[in-house]
Amino acid sequence: MSDTGKKRRHYQIIRKNYTYLVDILDVKQIMDSLFSQGYLTKDDLEEIKAEDSRRNATKKFLNILSRSGIDVYEPFIESLRTNGYKQVVEKLENLHQ
C-alpha cells in the first residue's frame, strides 16, 4: 500500500471510531507524548488545552491529527498503548487488519 493509501486508511479508522474515541479518551497524556515526539506543535497543545471540556479537547486533538501532513497513526497507537488504552488499541487495530 502506498504512503498516501496508508494514511487514508488510518484516517478512515480514526474517523469511523470518532465518537467512540471522543467518549473514551482523555487526551492530556496522549498529546504530551505526541508533542515530545514532535508530532504536535506548541500551538496544537494550546488549542487543545483551551477547550472547555474533555470531550471538546479530544475532538480538537483528533481534528489536529487528521489534518496533519504526516501519518501519525502509528505514534498515536503507541501513545494509546503506553497510556493504558489497550482496549482502544485492540479495537482500532482489529479494523486495521
C-alpha atoms as a PDB file:
ATOM      1  CA  MET A   1       0.000   0.000   0.000  1.00  0.00           C
ATOM      2  CA  SER A   2       1.360   3.461  -0.882  1.00  0.00           C
ATOM      3  CA  ASP A   3       2.032   6.025   1.841  1.00  0.00           C
ATOM      4  CA  THR A   4      -0.971   8.037   0.649  1.00  0.00           C
ATOM      5  CA  GLY A   5      -3.206   4.966   0.715  1.00  0.00           C
ATOM      6  CA  LYS A   6      -1.907   4.009   4.147  1.00  0.00           C
ATOM      7  CA  LYS A   7      -2.545   7.495   5.530  1.00  0.00           C
ATOM      8  CA  ARG A   8      -6.047   7.498   4.027  1.00  0.00           C
ATOM      9  CA  ARG A   9      -6.770   4.101   5.631  1.00  0.00           C
ATOM     10  CA  HIS A  10      -5.514   5.338   9.001  1.00  0.00           C
ATOM     11  CA  TYR A  11      -7.657   8.469   8.706  1.00  0.00           C
ATOM     12  CA  GLN A  12     -10.705   6.307   7.927  1.00  0.00           C
ATOM     13  CA  ILE A  13     -10.089   4.152  11.013  1.00  0.00           C
ATOM     14  CA  ILE A  14      -9.980   7.219  13.250  1.00  0.00           C
ATOM     15  CA  ARG A  15     -12.999   8.785  11.531  1.00  0.00           C
ATOM     16  CA  LYS A  16     -15.022   5.573  11.791  1.00  0.00           C
ATOM     17  CA  ASN A  17     -14.265   5.468  15.537  1.00  0.00           C
ATOM     18  CA  TYR A  18     -14.515   9.214  16.141  1.00  0.00           C
ATOM     19  CA  THR A  19     -17.493   9.102  18.535  1.00  0.00           C
ATOM     20  CA  TYR A  20     -16.021   6.151  20.437  1.00  0.00           C
ATOM     21  CA  LEU A  21     -12.681   7.952  20.803  1.00  0.00           C
ATOM     22  CA  VAL A  22     -14.347  11.200  21.903  1.00  0.00           C
ATOM     23  CA  ASP A  23     -16.364   9.289  24.504  1.00  0.00           C
ATOM     24  CA  ILE A  24     -13.452   7.347  25.996  1.00  0.00           C
ATOM     25  CA  LEU A  25     -10.186   9.287  25.639  1.00  0.00           C
ATOM     26  CA  ASP A  26      -8.658  11.836  27.952  1.00  0.00           C
ATOM     27  CA  VAL A  27      -6.032  13.226  25.609  1.00  0.00           C
ATOM     28  CA  LYS A  28      -3.801  15.019  28.136  1.00  0.00           C
ATOM     29  CA  GLN A  29      -1.155  12.292  28.387  1.00  0.00           C
ATOM     30  CA  ILE A  30      -1.506  11.248  24.773  1.00  0.00           C
ATOM     31  CA  MET A  31      -0.963  14.758  23.454  1.00  0.00           C
ATOM     32  CA  ASP A  32       2.059  15.278  25.718  1.00  0.00           C
ATOM     33  CA  SER A  33       3.598  12.094  24.360  1.00  0.00           C
ATOM     34  CA  LEU A  34       2.995  13.108  20.740  1.00  0.00           C
ATOM     35  CA  PHE A  35       4.307  16.614  21.450  1.00  0.00           C
ATOM     36  CA  SER A  36       7.531  15.237  22.937  1.00  0.00           C
ATOM     37  CA  GLN A  37       7.995  13.146  19.771  1.00  0.00           C
ATOM     38  CA  GLY A  38       7.469  16.181  17.517  1.00  0.00           C
ATOM     39  CA  TYR A  39       4.066  15.188  16.117  1.00  0.00           C
ATOM     40  CA  LEU A  40       2.211  18.095  17.747  1.00  0.00           C
ATOM     41  CA  THR A  41       3.320  21.711  17.984  1.00  0.00           C
ATOM     42  CA  LYS A  42       3.127  24.041  20.953  1.00  0.00           C
ATOM     43  CA  ASP A  43       0.275  25.823  19.165  1.00  0.00           C
ATOM     44  CA  ASP A  44      -1.540  22.487  18.831  1.00  0.00           C
ATOM     45  CA  LEU A  45      -1.196  21.894  22.581  1.00  0.00           C
ATOM     46  CA  GLU A  46      -2.508  25.365  23.370  1.00  0.00           C
ATOM     47  CA  GLU A  47      -5.510  24.868  21.069  1.00  0.00           C
ATOM     48  CA  ILE A  48      -6.351  21.559  22.734  1.00  0.00           C
ATOM     49  CA  LYS A  49      -5.874  22.873  26.281  1.00  0.00           C
ATOM     50  CA  ALA A  50      -8.068  25.913  25.521  1.00  0.00           C
ATOM     51  CA  GLU A  51     -11.109  23.683  25.043  1.00  0.00           C
ATOM     52  CA  ASP A  52     -13.717  23.838  27.815  1.00  0.00           C
ATOM     53  CA  SER A  53     -14.267  20.100  28.303  1.00  0.00           C
ATOM     54  CA  ARG A  54     -12.508  16.763  27.963  1.00  0.00           C
ATOM     55  CA  ARG A  55     -14.764  15.824  25.036  1.00  0.00           C
ATOM     56  CA  ASN A  56     -14.094  19.068  23.173  1.00  0.00           C
ATOM     57  CA  ALA A  57     -10.357  18.717  23.828  1.00  0.00           C
ATOM     58  CA  THR A  58     -10.490  15.208  22.364  1.00  0.00           C
ATOM     59  CA  LYS A  59     -12.388  16.469  19.308  1.00  0.00           C
ATOM     60  CA  LYS A  60      -9.806  19.205  18.770  1.00  0.00           C
ATOM     61  CA  PHE A  61      -6.980  16.684  19.201  1.00  0.00           C
ATOM     62  CA  LEU A  62      -8.468  14.252  16.661  1.00  0.00           C
ATOM     63  CA  ASN A  63      -9.100  17.067  14.191  1.00  0.00           C
ATOM     64  CA  ILE A  64      -5.490  18.242  14.513  1.00  0.00           C
ATOM     65  CA  LEU A  65      -4.271  14.683  13.928  1.00  0.00           C
ATOM     66  CA  SER A  66      -6.470  14.299  10.856  1.00  0.00           C
ATOM     67  CA  ARG A  67      -5.218  17.497   9.239  1.00  0.00           C
ATOM     68  CA  SER A  68      -1.576  16.699   9.927  1.00  0.00           C
ATOM     69  CA  GLY A  69       0.545  16.440   6.807  1.00  0.00           C
ATOM     70  CA  ILE A  70       2.208  13.308   8.141  1.00  0.00           C
ATOM     71  CA  ASP A  71       0.792   9.933   9.101  1.00  0.00           C
ATOM     72  CA  VAL A  72       0.669   9.984  12.905  1.00  0.00           C
ATOM     73  CA  TYR A  73      -1.404   6.820  13.256  1.00  0.00           C
ATOM     74  CA  GLU A  74       1.393   4.527  14.471  1.00  0.00           C
ATOM     75  CA  PRO A  75       2.724   7.048  17.049  1.00  0.00           C
ATOM     76  CA  PHE A  76      -0.901   7.662  18.123  1.00  0.00           C
ATOM     77  CA  ILE A  77      -1.446   3.912  18.609  1.00  0.00           C
ATOM     78  CA  GLU A  78       1.813   3.579  20.542  1.00  0.00           C
ATOM     79  CA  SER A  79       0.875   6.535  22.747  1.00  0.00           C
ATOM     80  CA  LEU A  80      -2.515   4.948  23.447  1.00  0.00           C
ATOM     81  CA  ARG A  81      -0.802   1.673  24.311  1.00  0.00           C
ATOM     82  CA  THR A  82       1.680   3.267  26.732  1.00  0.00           C
ATOM     83  CA  ASN A  83      -1.032   5.351  28.405  1.00  0.00           C
ATOM     84  CA  GLY A  84      -3.313   2.471  29.362  1.00  0.00           C
ATOM     85  CA  TYR A  85      -5.730   2.410  26.432  1.00  0.00           C
ATOM     86  CA  LYS A  86      -5.141  -1.228  25.485  1.00  0.00           C
ATOM     87  CA  GLN A  87      -8.815  -1.867  24.645  1.00  0.00           C
ATOM     88  CA  VAL A  88      -8.890   1.174  22.360  1.00  0.00           C
ATOM     89  CA  VAL A  89      -5.769  -0.060  20.567  1.00  0.00           C
ATOM     90  CA  GLU A  90      -7.302  -3.511  20.126  1.00  0.00           C
ATOM     91  CA  LYS A  91     -10.493  -2.023  18.673  1.00  0.00           C
ATOM     92  CA  LEU A  92      -8.587   0.197  16.224  1.00  0.00           C
ATOM     93  CA  GLU A  93      -6.079  -2.482  15.269  1.00  0.00           C
ATOM     94  CA  ASN A  94      -8.842  -5.019  14.556  1.00  0.00           C
ATOM     95  CA  LEU A  95     -10.168  -2.579  11.953  1.00  0.00           C
ATOM     96  CA  HIS A  96      -6.676  -2.035  10.576  1.00  0.00           C
ATOM     97  CA  GLN A  97      -6.160  -5.662   9.563  1.00  0.00           C
END
